[in-house]
Amino acid sequence: MTTAKSIPGNYNGQPKHNNHKSISGYAPVNELSMYYEIHGTGKPLVLIHGGGSTIQTTFGNVLPFFAKNRQVIAVELQSHGRTADIDRDLSFKHDADDVAALLKHLNIEKADFFGFSNGGQTCIEIGIRHPELVNKLVIASAFTKRSGVPKEFFEFMNNATLDNMPITLQKAYIEVAPKPEDLIIMHDRCAKRMQEFEDFDDEDLKKIIAPVFIIQGDKDLSFPEHAAEMSRIFPNATLAILPGGHGTYIGEADSYIKGSRVPELTVAMVEEFLGRG
C-alpha cells in the first residue's frame, strides 16, 4: 500500500507554485519502503539524487522550476533520506531496479530521467536495464570509467570517514531519516560502492538509443574530457560544459553559490532538451 500526504509550505527557499499539486509518500519496492514526492502535472520527469544526498540537497533549487510544467517524481534511494536501509549493498543496478519498480507501482509507463552524480550512474543503468521506461536521459556530473576522475578520488574513498562527509549533507540526512543514527551506515555503504566501482561496458552504453543530455561542470569531480568521451559513446548525445564545480549548476546544497542564476540556465537547457522531438 502507498501512503501519501500533501507537502505544505516552501521548497528549499523557492516558492511553492500554486498551480501544481505536491504529495509525498512511501511505496513498497523490492523490500524497501521507498520515499517519493510528486510535484506538478504534465509529462513525467524523474529526479534521482546524488550519493549521500536527499531530494532537497540535490534538487531543492531547481525542482520548483521543473514542476511548473511537468509532473516531477523525485525519489530517495536505499539508505538515503527518508528511505531506510535494508540488508543489501548499494549498487546502481539495484537503484535502477528500485526506481523502475516505483514507476510501475505509480502506473507510469514512460518518463524522462534526470540523475545527478551517482544518480547519473543510476540513470545509465535504467537506460541499460529498463529501456522501455525511458524517453530521454539527463546525466549530470557522472562518470562511467575509473579513469574519468583523478586517481586521488579513489584514494580518498578508500580512506573515507564520516568526518569527511560534508556537514550540509550530514545535517540534511539527520533531519529527515527514520533512523538518524544510521548516518554512518549510509556513509559507509556509499564509500564502499565507490571503492568497488567498475567501469561501464561501452557496448552497453551504445545500446542506449534514447536521447542523452550530458551535463558537466568545468571544475567538476570528473574530467570535462571524460564527459566529452561519454558524449561520443552514446548514440544520440548532447553535451554541455557549464561553469562551476560538482553540482554548482543546479544549486546543489554543498556547492550552491548564493545569488547565482546558473541553475535557472540549467533548467532552461534541460527543458529545451526534453522538449525536442
C-alpha atoms as a PDB file:
ATOM      1  CA  MET A   1       0.000   0.000   0.000  1.00  0.00           C
ATOM      2  CA  THR A   2       1.194   3.506  -0.809  1.00  0.00           C
ATOM      3  CA  THR A   3       0.900   6.167   1.838  1.00  0.00           C
ATOM      4  CA  ALA A   4       0.814   9.734   0.593  1.00  0.00           C
ATOM      5  CA  LYS A   5       0.356  13.207   2.000  1.00  0.00           C
ATOM      6  CA  SER A   6       0.414  16.780   0.777  1.00  0.00           C
ATOM      7  CA  ILE A   7       3.636  18.783   1.053  1.00  0.00           C
ATOM      8  CA  PRO A   8       2.958  22.195   2.612  1.00  0.00           C
ATOM      9  CA  GLY A   9       4.976  25.395   2.547  1.00  0.00           C
ATOM     10  CA  ASN A  10       8.103  26.317   0.652  1.00  0.00           C
ATOM     11  CA  TYR A  11      10.667  24.107  -1.019  1.00  0.00           C
ATOM     12  CA  ASN A  12      14.318  24.934  -0.260  1.00  0.00           C
ATOM     13  CA  GLY A  13      13.505  28.603  -0.175  1.00  0.00           C
ATOM     14  CA  GLN A  14      11.737  28.508  -3.530  1.00  0.00           C
ATOM     15  CA  PRO A  15       8.058  29.500  -3.524  1.00  0.00           C
ATOM     16  CA  LYS A  16       5.603  26.667  -3.838  1.00  0.00           C
ATOM     17  CA  HIS A  17       3.754  27.168  -7.118  1.00  0.00           C
ATOM     18  CA  ASN A  18       0.022  27.470  -6.589  1.00  0.00           C
ATOM     19  CA  ASN A  19      -0.758  25.869  -9.941  1.00  0.00           C
ATOM     20  CA  HIS A  20       0.525  22.423  -9.043  1.00  0.00           C
ATOM     21  CA  LYS A  21      -0.246  19.745  -6.519  1.00  0.00           C
ATOM     22  CA  SER A  22       2.510  18.263  -4.373  1.00  0.00           C
ATOM     23  CA  ILE A  23       2.298  14.981  -2.487  1.00  0.00           C
ATOM     24  CA  SER A  24       4.754  12.670  -0.792  1.00  0.00           C
ATOM     25  CA  GLY A  25       4.517   9.003   0.089  1.00  0.00           C
ATOM     26  CA  TYR A  26       6.146   5.643   0.670  1.00  0.00           C
ATOM     27  CA  ALA A  27       5.810   2.676  -1.653  1.00  0.00           C
ATOM     28  CA  PRO A  28       6.750  -0.993  -1.166  1.00  0.00           C
ATOM     29  CA  VAL A  29       9.611  -1.503  -3.624  1.00  0.00           C
ATOM     30  CA  ASN A  30      11.903  -4.563  -3.640  1.00  0.00           C
ATOM     31  CA  GLU A  31      11.826  -4.889   0.174  1.00  0.00           C
ATOM     32  CA  LEU A  32      12.229  -1.122   0.597  1.00  0.00           C
ATOM     33  CA  SER A  33       9.710   1.346   1.889  1.00  0.00           C
ATOM     34  CA  MET A  34      10.733   3.877  -0.738  1.00  0.00           C
ATOM     35  CA  TYR A  35      10.087   7.578  -0.243  1.00  0.00           C
ATOM     36  CA  TYR A  36       8.961   9.672  -3.186  1.00  0.00           C
ATOM     37  CA  GLU A  37       7.468  13.058  -3.933  1.00  0.00           C
ATOM     38  CA  ILE A  38       5.268  14.109  -6.826  1.00  0.00           C
ATOM     39  CA  HIS A  39       5.075  17.767  -7.811  1.00  0.00           C
ATOM     40  CA  GLY A  40       3.040  19.298 -10.601  1.00  0.00           C
ATOM     41  CA  THR A  41       1.288  17.824 -13.604  1.00  0.00           C
ATOM     42  CA  GLY A  42       2.276  17.013 -17.156  1.00  0.00           C
ATOM     43  CA  LYS A  43       4.879  14.797 -18.747  1.00  0.00           C
ATOM     44  CA  PRO A  44       6.745  12.760 -16.080  1.00  0.00           C
ATOM     45  CA  LEU A  45      10.295  13.733 -15.100  1.00  0.00           C
ATOM     46  CA  VAL A  46      12.066  11.516 -12.551  1.00  0.00           C
ATOM     47  CA  LEU A  47      14.757  13.174 -10.410  1.00  0.00           C
ATOM     48  CA  ILE A  48      17.461  10.933  -8.902  1.00  0.00           C
ATOM     49  CA  HIS A  49      19.716  12.471  -6.254  1.00  0.00           C
ATOM     50  CA  GLY A  50      23.442  12.024  -5.732  1.00  0.00           C
ATOM     51  CA  GLY A  51      25.271   9.800  -3.269  1.00  0.00           C
ATOM     52  CA  GLY A  52      24.849  10.769   0.383  1.00  0.00           C
ATOM     53  CA  SER A  53      22.128  13.238  -0.537  1.00  0.00           C
ATOM     54  CA  THR A  54      18.396  13.836  -0.362  1.00  0.00           C
ATOM     55  CA  ILE A  55      15.873  15.215  -2.819  1.00  0.00           C
ATOM     56  CA  GLN A  56      16.255  18.645  -1.253  1.00  0.00           C
ATOM     57  CA  THR A  57      20.048  18.804  -1.114  1.00  0.00           C
ATOM     58  CA  THR A  58      20.433  17.809  -4.758  1.00  0.00           C
ATOM     59  CA  PHE A  59      17.400  19.337  -6.460  1.00  0.00           C
ATOM     60  CA  GLY A  60      15.842  21.783  -3.998  1.00  0.00           C
ATOM     61  CA  ASN A  61      16.880  24.836  -6.017  1.00  0.00           C
ATOM     62  CA  VAL A  62      15.629  23.574  -9.389  1.00  0.00           C
ATOM     63  CA  LEU A  63      12.706  21.245  -8.631  1.00  0.00           C
ATOM     64  CA  PRO A  64      10.105  24.047  -8.322  1.00  0.00           C
ATOM     65  CA  PHE A  65      11.019  25.328 -11.783  1.00  0.00           C
ATOM     66  CA  PHE A  66      10.630  21.906 -13.387  1.00  0.00           C
ATOM     67  CA  ALA A  67       7.303  21.406 -11.584  1.00  0.00           C
ATOM     68  CA  LYS A  68       5.782  24.453 -13.272  1.00  0.00           C
ATOM     69  CA  ASN A  69       5.256  22.488 -16.478  1.00  0.00           C
ATOM     70  CA  ARG A  70       5.822  18.824 -15.598  1.00  0.00           C
ATOM     71  CA  GLN A  71       4.905  16.043 -13.240  1.00  0.00           C
ATOM     72  CA  VAL A  72       8.117  15.708 -11.237  1.00  0.00           C
ATOM     73  CA  ILE A  73       8.676  12.403  -9.436  1.00  0.00           C
ATOM     74  CA  ALA A  74      11.574  12.762  -7.008  1.00  0.00           C
ATOM     75  CA  VAL A  75      12.866   9.684  -5.194  1.00  0.00           C
ATOM     76  CA  GLU A  76      15.107   8.856  -2.260  1.00  0.00           C
ATOM     77  CA  LEU A  77      17.093   5.683  -2.784  1.00  0.00           C
ATOM     78  CA  GLN A  78      18.054   2.908  -0.389  1.00  0.00           C
ATOM     79  CA  SER A  79      19.675   4.196   2.822  1.00  0.00           C
ATOM     80  CA  HIS A  80      19.206   7.819   1.725  1.00  0.00           C
ATOM     81  CA  GLY A  81      16.993  10.474   3.248  1.00  0.00           C
ATOM     82  CA  ARG A  82      13.610   9.143   4.274  1.00  0.00           C
ATOM     83  CA  THR A  83      14.140   5.701   2.717  1.00  0.00           C
ATOM     84  CA  ALA A  84      15.519   3.400   5.392  1.00  0.00           C
ATOM     85  CA  ASP A  85      18.333   0.951   4.782  1.00  0.00           C
ATOM     86  CA  ILE A  86      17.883  -2.780   4.187  1.00  0.00           C
ATOM     87  CA  ASP A  87      20.343  -5.672   4.340  1.00  0.00           C
ATOM     88  CA  ARG A  88      21.729  -5.127   0.831  1.00  0.00           C
ATOM     89  CA  ASP A  89      24.824  -3.430  -0.539  1.00  0.00           C
ATOM     90  CA  LEU A  90      24.252  -0.286  -2.559  1.00  0.00           C
ATOM     91  CA  SER A  91      24.543  -0.749  -6.298  1.00  0.00           C
ATOM     92  CA  PHE A  92      23.492   1.269  -9.307  1.00  0.00           C
ATOM     93  CA  LYS A  93      21.740  -1.804 -10.688  1.00  0.00           C
ATOM     94  CA  HIS A  94      19.664  -2.177  -7.510  1.00  0.00           C
ATOM     95  CA  ASP A  95      18.833   1.528  -7.546  1.00  0.00           C
ATOM     96  CA  ALA A  96      17.767   1.325 -11.190  1.00  0.00           C
ATOM     97  CA  ASP A  97      15.520  -1.645 -10.488  1.00  0.00           C
ATOM     98  CA  ASP A  98      14.042   0.121  -7.449  1.00  0.00           C
ATOM     99  CA  VAL A  99      13.180   3.230  -9.468  1.00  0.00           C
ATOM    100  CA  ALA A 100      11.684   1.090 -12.229  1.00  0.00           C
ATOM    101  CA  ALA A 101       9.550  -0.771  -9.682  1.00  0.00           C
ATOM    102  CA  LEU A 102       8.381   2.512  -8.161  1.00  0.00           C
ATOM    103  CA  LEU A 103       7.244   3.777 -11.556  1.00  0.00           C
ATOM    104  CA  LYS A 104       5.358   0.543 -12.132  1.00  0.00           C
ATOM    105  CA  HIS A 105       3.739   0.982  -8.719  1.00  0.00           C
ATOM    106  CA  LEU A 106       2.712   4.526  -9.710  1.00  0.00           C
ATOM    107  CA  ASN A 107       1.410   3.331 -13.109  1.00  0.00           C
ATOM    108  CA  ILE A 108       3.907   5.471 -15.017  1.00  0.00           C
ATOM    109  CA  GLU A 109       4.786   3.695 -18.258  1.00  0.00           C
ATOM    110  CA  LYS A 110       7.430   6.070 -19.635  1.00  0.00           C
ATOM    111  CA  ALA A 111       9.340   9.072 -18.337  1.00  0.00           C
ATOM    112  CA  ASP A 112      12.291  11.379 -18.704  1.00  0.00           C
ATOM    113  CA  PHE A 113      15.047  10.937 -16.106  1.00  0.00           C
ATOM    114  CA  PHE A 114      17.491  13.418 -14.570  1.00  0.00           C
ATOM    115  CA  GLY A 115      20.219  11.939 -12.394  1.00  0.00           C
ATOM    116  CA  PHE A 116      22.979  13.857 -10.642  1.00  0.00           C
ATOM    117  CA  SER A 117      26.363  12.319  -9.724  1.00  0.00           C
ATOM    118  CA  ASN A 118      25.661   8.753  -8.515  1.00  0.00           C
ATOM    119  CA  GLY A 119      22.105   9.399  -9.650  1.00  0.00           C
ATOM    120  CA  GLY A 120      23.521   9.831 -13.148  1.00  0.00           C
ATOM    121  CA  GLN A 121      25.047   6.374 -12.981  1.00  0.00           C
ATOM    122  CA  THR A 122      21.672   5.060 -11.821  1.00  0.00           C
ATOM    123  CA  CYS A 123      20.113   6.747 -14.869  1.00  0.00           C
ATOM    124  CA  ILE A 124      22.582   4.935 -17.101  1.00  0.00           C
ATOM    125  CA  GLU A 125      21.604   1.609 -15.539  1.00  0.00           C
ATOM    126  CA  ILE A 126      17.933   2.454 -16.089  1.00  0.00           C
ATOM    127  CA  GLY A 127      18.741   3.066 -19.749  1.00  0.00           C
ATOM    128  CA  ILE A 128      20.514  -0.294 -19.964  1.00  0.00           C
ATOM    129  CA  ARG A 129      18.168  -2.415 -17.832  1.00  0.00           C
ATOM    130  CA  HIS A 130      14.797  -0.733 -18.413  1.00  0.00           C
ATOM    131  CA  PRO A 131      14.908   0.947 -21.833  1.00  0.00           C
ATOM    132  CA  GLU A 132      11.147   0.612 -22.229  1.00  0.00           C
ATOM    133  CA  LEU A 133      10.701   3.183 -19.435  1.00  0.00           C
ATOM    134  CA  VAL A 134      12.979   5.807 -20.941  1.00  0.00           C
ATOM    135  CA  ASN A 135      12.019   8.723 -23.095  1.00  0.00           C
ATOM    136  CA  LYS A 136      15.146  10.854 -22.513  1.00  0.00           C
ATOM    137  CA  LEU A 137      18.031  10.846 -20.016  1.00  0.00           C
ATOM    138  CA  VAL A 138      19.834  13.771 -18.398  1.00  0.00           C
ATOM    139  CA  ILE A 139      23.123  12.553 -16.903  1.00  0.00           C
ATOM    140  CA  ALA A 140      24.785  15.197 -14.751  1.00  0.00           C
ATOM    141  CA  SER A 141      28.283  15.059 -13.207  1.00  0.00           C
ATOM    142  CA  ALA A 142      28.554  11.286 -13.577  1.00  0.00           C
ATOM    143  CA  PHE A 143      31.415   9.162 -14.857  1.00  0.00           C
ATOM    144  CA  THR A 144      31.468   5.742 -16.484  1.00  0.00           C
ATOM    145  CA  LYS A 145      35.131   4.801 -16.017  1.00  0.00           C
ATOM    146  CA  ARG A 146      37.585   4.980 -13.144  1.00  0.00           C
ATOM    147  CA  SER A 147      39.884   6.921 -15.456  1.00  0.00           C
ATOM    148  CA  GLY A 148      37.195   9.615 -15.684  1.00  0.00           C
ATOM    149  CA  VAL A 149      38.172  11.060 -12.300  1.00  0.00           C
ATOM    150  CA  PRO A 150      41.540  11.848 -10.697  1.00  0.00           C
ATOM    151  CA  LYS A 151      43.154   8.807  -9.072  1.00  0.00           C
ATOM    152  CA  GLU A 152      43.130  10.762  -5.811  1.00  0.00           C
ATOM    153  CA  PHE A 153      39.346  10.387  -5.728  1.00  0.00           C
ATOM    154  CA  PHE A 154      39.553   6.643  -5.210  1.00  0.00           C
ATOM    155  CA  GLU A 155      42.430   7.045  -2.755  1.00  0.00           C
ATOM    156  CA  PHE A 156      40.182   9.386  -0.779  1.00  0.00           C
ATOM    157  CA  MET A 157      37.274   6.937  -0.909  1.00  0.00           C
ATOM    158  CA  ASN A 158      39.468   4.093   0.297  1.00  0.00           C
ATOM    159  CA  ASN A 159      40.160   6.072   3.470  1.00  0.00           C
ATOM    160  CA  ALA A 160      36.858   7.923   3.814  1.00  0.00           C
ATOM    161  CA  THR A 161      35.397   8.504   7.265  1.00  0.00           C
ATOM    162  CA  LEU A 162      32.192  10.183   8.369  1.00  0.00           C
ATOM    163  CA  ASP A 163      34.219  13.259   9.315  1.00  0.00           C
ATOM    164  CA  ASN A 164      34.960  13.720   5.602  1.00  0.00           C
ATOM    165  CA  MET A 165      31.265  13.891   4.679  1.00  0.00           C
ATOM    166  CA  PRO A 166      30.051  17.461   4.068  1.00  0.00           C
ATOM    167  CA  ILE A 167      28.249  18.801   7.129  1.00  0.00           C
ATOM    168  CA  THR A 168      25.453  20.092   4.889  1.00  0.00           C
ATOM    169  CA  LEU A 169      24.660  16.551   3.782  1.00  0.00           C
ATOM    170  CA  GLN A 170      25.030  15.120   7.281  1.00  0.00           C
ATOM    171  CA  LYS A 171      22.529  17.606   8.694  1.00  0.00           C
ATOM    172  CA  ALA A 172      20.083  17.010   5.854  1.00  0.00           C
ATOM    173  CA  TYR A 173      20.134  13.266   6.493  1.00  0.00           C
ATOM    174  CA  ILE A 174      19.670  13.627  10.249  1.00  0.00           C
ATOM    175  CA  GLU A 175      16.718  15.991   9.756  1.00  0.00           C
ATOM    176  CA  VAL A 176      14.646  13.538   7.690  1.00  0.00           C
ATOM    177  CA  ALA A 177      15.926   9.972   8.174  1.00  0.00           C
ATOM    178  CA  PRO A 178      13.697   7.488  10.015  1.00  0.00           C
ATOM    179  CA  LYS A 179      16.800   6.425  11.972  1.00  0.00           C
ATOM    180  CA  PRO A 180      19.239   9.365  12.143  1.00  0.00           C
ATOM    181  CA  GLU A 181      21.778   7.116  13.860  1.00  0.00           C
ATOM    182  CA  ASP A 182      22.082   5.187  10.568  1.00  0.00           C
ATOM    183  CA  LEU A 183      24.047   8.072   9.030  1.00  0.00           C
ATOM    184  CA  ILE A 184      27.257   6.074   9.423  1.00  0.00           C
ATOM    185  CA  ILE A 185      25.674   3.106   7.620  1.00  0.00           C
ATOM    186  CA  MET A 186      24.671   5.290   4.687  1.00  0.00           C
ATOM    187  CA  HIS A 187      28.137   6.866   4.555  1.00  0.00           C
ATOM    188  CA  ASP A 188      29.951   3.543   4.646  1.00  0.00           C
ATOM    189  CA  ARG A 189      27.684   1.979   2.024  1.00  0.00           C
ATOM    190  CA  CYS A 190      28.261   4.926  -0.322  1.00  0.00           C
ATOM    191  CA  ALA A 191      32.022   4.782   0.215  1.00  0.00           C
ATOM    192  CA  LYS A 192      32.089   1.026  -0.400  1.00  0.00           C
ATOM    193  CA  ARG A 193      30.211   1.418  -3.671  1.00  0.00           C
ATOM    194  CA  MET A 194      32.781   3.910  -4.885  1.00  0.00           C
ATOM    195  CA  GLN A 195      35.710   1.823  -3.662  1.00  0.00           C
ATOM    196  CA  GLU A 196      34.389  -1.094  -5.719  1.00  0.00           C
ATOM    197  CA  PHE A 197      33.332   0.966  -8.747  1.00  0.00           C
ATOM    198  CA  GLU A 198      33.685  -0.959 -12.002  1.00  0.00           C
ATOM    199  CA  ASP A 199      33.804   0.610 -15.448  1.00  0.00           C
ATOM    200  CA  PHE A 200      30.641   0.553 -17.516  1.00  0.00           C
ATOM    201  CA  ASP A 201      30.931  -1.519 -20.683  1.00  0.00           C
ATOM    202  CA  ASP A 202      30.958   0.767 -23.728  1.00  0.00           C
ATOM    203  CA  GLU A 203      28.934  -1.810 -25.649  1.00  0.00           C
ATOM    204  CA  ASP A 204      26.158  -1.484 -23.052  1.00  0.00           C
ATOM    205  CA  LEU A 205      26.267   2.306 -23.337  1.00  0.00           C
ATOM    206  CA  LYS A 206      25.956   2.082 -27.110  1.00  0.00           C
ATOM    207  CA  LYS A 207      22.690   0.190 -26.671  1.00  0.00           C
ATOM    208  CA  ILE A 208      21.048   3.235 -25.084  1.00  0.00           C
ATOM    209  CA  ILE A 209      19.321   4.723 -28.101  1.00  0.00           C
ATOM    210  CA  ALA A 210      17.278   7.265 -26.146  1.00  0.00           C
ATOM    211  CA  PRO A 211      18.473  10.874 -26.399  1.00  0.00           C
ATOM    212  CA  VAL A 212      21.010  11.660 -23.663  1.00  0.00           C
ATOM    213  CA  PHE A 213      21.979  15.093 -22.322  1.00  0.00           C
ATOM    214  CA  ILE A 214      25.331  15.066 -20.512  1.00  0.00           C
ATOM    215  CA  ILE A 215      25.988  17.995 -18.179  1.00  0.00           C
ATOM    216  CA  GLN A 216      29.329  18.661 -16.531  1.00  0.00           C
ATOM    217  CA  GLY A 217      30.905  21.476 -14.555  1.00  0.00           C
ATOM    218  CA  ASP A 218      34.201  22.804 -15.863  1.00  0.00           C
ATOM    219  CA  LYS A 219      35.632  22.311 -12.353  1.00  0.00           C
ATOM    220  CA  ASP A 220      33.691  19.131 -11.614  1.00  0.00           C
ATOM    221  CA  LEU A 221      34.771  15.969  -9.840  1.00  0.00           C
ATOM    222  CA  SER A 222      35.206  14.157 -13.149  1.00  0.00           C
ATOM    223  CA  PHE A 223      37.201  15.453 -16.097  1.00  0.00           C
ATOM    224  CA  PRO A 224      35.401  17.509 -18.782  1.00  0.00           C
ATOM    225  CA  GLU A 225      37.316  15.413 -21.315  1.00  0.00           C
ATOM    226  CA  HIS A 226      35.631  12.313 -19.900  1.00  0.00           C
ATOM    227  CA  ALA A 227      32.206  13.895 -20.362  1.00  0.00           C
ATOM    228  CA  ALA A 228      33.136  14.588 -23.982  1.00  0.00           C
ATOM    229  CA  GLU A 229      34.214  10.968 -24.373  1.00  0.00           C
ATOM    230  CA  MET A 230      30.887   9.811 -22.935  1.00  0.00           C
ATOM    231  CA  SER A 231      29.021  12.002 -25.405  1.00  0.00           C
ATOM    232  CA  ARG A 232      30.760  10.230 -28.279  1.00  0.00           C
ATOM    233  CA  ILE A 233      29.856   6.761 -26.988  1.00  0.00           C
ATOM    234  CA  PHE A 234      26.117   7.259 -26.546  1.00  0.00           C
ATOM    235  CA  PRO A 235      24.491   7.078 -29.996  1.00  0.00           C
ATOM    236  CA  ASN A 236      22.316  10.168 -29.502  1.00  0.00           C
ATOM    237  CA  ALA A 237      24.009  12.513 -27.032  1.00  0.00           C
ATOM    238  CA  THR A 238      24.195  16.246 -26.375  1.00  0.00           C
ATOM    239  CA  LEU A 239      26.933  17.738 -24.177  1.00  0.00           C
ATOM    240  CA  ALA A 240      27.058  20.903 -22.080  1.00  0.00           C
ATOM    241  CA  ILE A 241      30.069  22.025 -20.031  1.00  0.00           C
ATOM    242  CA  LEU A 242      28.899  24.677 -17.567  1.00  0.00           C
ATOM    243  CA  PRO A 243      30.834  26.961 -15.224  1.00  0.00           C
ATOM    244  CA  GLY A 244      31.348  25.663 -11.706  1.00  0.00           C
ATOM    245  CA  GLY A 245      32.048  22.595  -9.661  1.00  0.00           C
ATOM    246  CA  HIS A 246      30.177  19.443  -8.685  1.00  0.00           C
ATOM    247  CA  GLY A 247      26.526  20.471  -8.806  1.00  0.00           C
ATOM    248  CA  THR A 248      27.029  24.238  -8.768  1.00  0.00           C
ATOM    249  CA  TYR A 249      24.974  24.499 -11.955  1.00  0.00           C
ATOM    250  CA  ILE A 250      21.858  23.049 -10.236  1.00  0.00           C
ATOM    251  CA  GLY A 251      22.403  24.774  -6.906  1.00  0.00           C
ATOM    252  CA  GLU A 252      23.288  21.542  -5.086  1.00  0.00           C
ATOM    253  CA  ALA A 253      23.368  22.277  -1.362  1.00  0.00           C
ATOM    254  CA  ASP A 254      27.086  21.757  -0.774  1.00  0.00           C
ATOM    255  CA  SER A 255      28.217  23.765  -3.797  1.00  0.00           C
ATOM    256  CA  TYR A 256      25.454  26.359  -4.195  1.00  0.00           C
ATOM    257  CA  ILE A 257      26.600  29.910  -4.856  1.00  0.00           C
ATOM    258  CA  LYS A 258      24.098  32.308  -3.317  1.00  0.00           C
ATOM    259  CA  GLY A 259      22.545  34.580  -5.903  1.00  0.00           C
ATOM    260  CA  SER A 260      23.779  32.549  -8.863  1.00  0.00           C
ATOM    261  CA  ARG A 261      21.395  32.336 -11.807  1.00  0.00           C
ATOM    262  CA  VAL A 262      23.255  29.451 -13.402  1.00  0.00           C
ATOM    263  CA  PRO A 263      20.732  26.919 -12.003  1.00  0.00           C
ATOM    264  CA  GLU A 264      17.980  28.732 -13.900  1.00  0.00           C
ATOM    265  CA  LEU A 265      20.088  28.493 -17.061  1.00  0.00           C
ATOM    266  CA  THR A 266      20.478  24.763 -16.454  1.00  0.00           C
ATOM    267  CA  VAL A 267      16.723  24.348 -16.056  1.00  0.00           C
ATOM    268  CA  ALA A 268      16.147  26.193 -19.327  1.00  0.00           C
ATOM    269  CA  MET A 269      18.651  23.997 -21.186  1.00  0.00           C
ATOM    270  CA  VAL A 270      17.219  20.795 -19.733  1.00  0.00           C
ATOM    271  CA  GLU A 271      13.672  21.845 -20.569  1.00  0.00           C
ATOM    272  CA  GLU A 272      14.698  22.672 -24.130  1.00  0.00           C
ATOM    273  CA  PHE A 273      16.405  19.282 -24.483  1.00  0.00           C
ATOM    274  CA  LEU A 274      13.434  17.395 -23.055  1.00  0.00           C
ATOM    275  CA  GLY A 275      11.013  19.354 -25.223  1.00  0.00           C
ATOM    276  CA  ARG A 276      12.652  18.395 -28.505  1.00  0.00           C
ATOM    277  CA  GLY A 277      11.052  15.723 -30.657  1.00  0.00           C
END
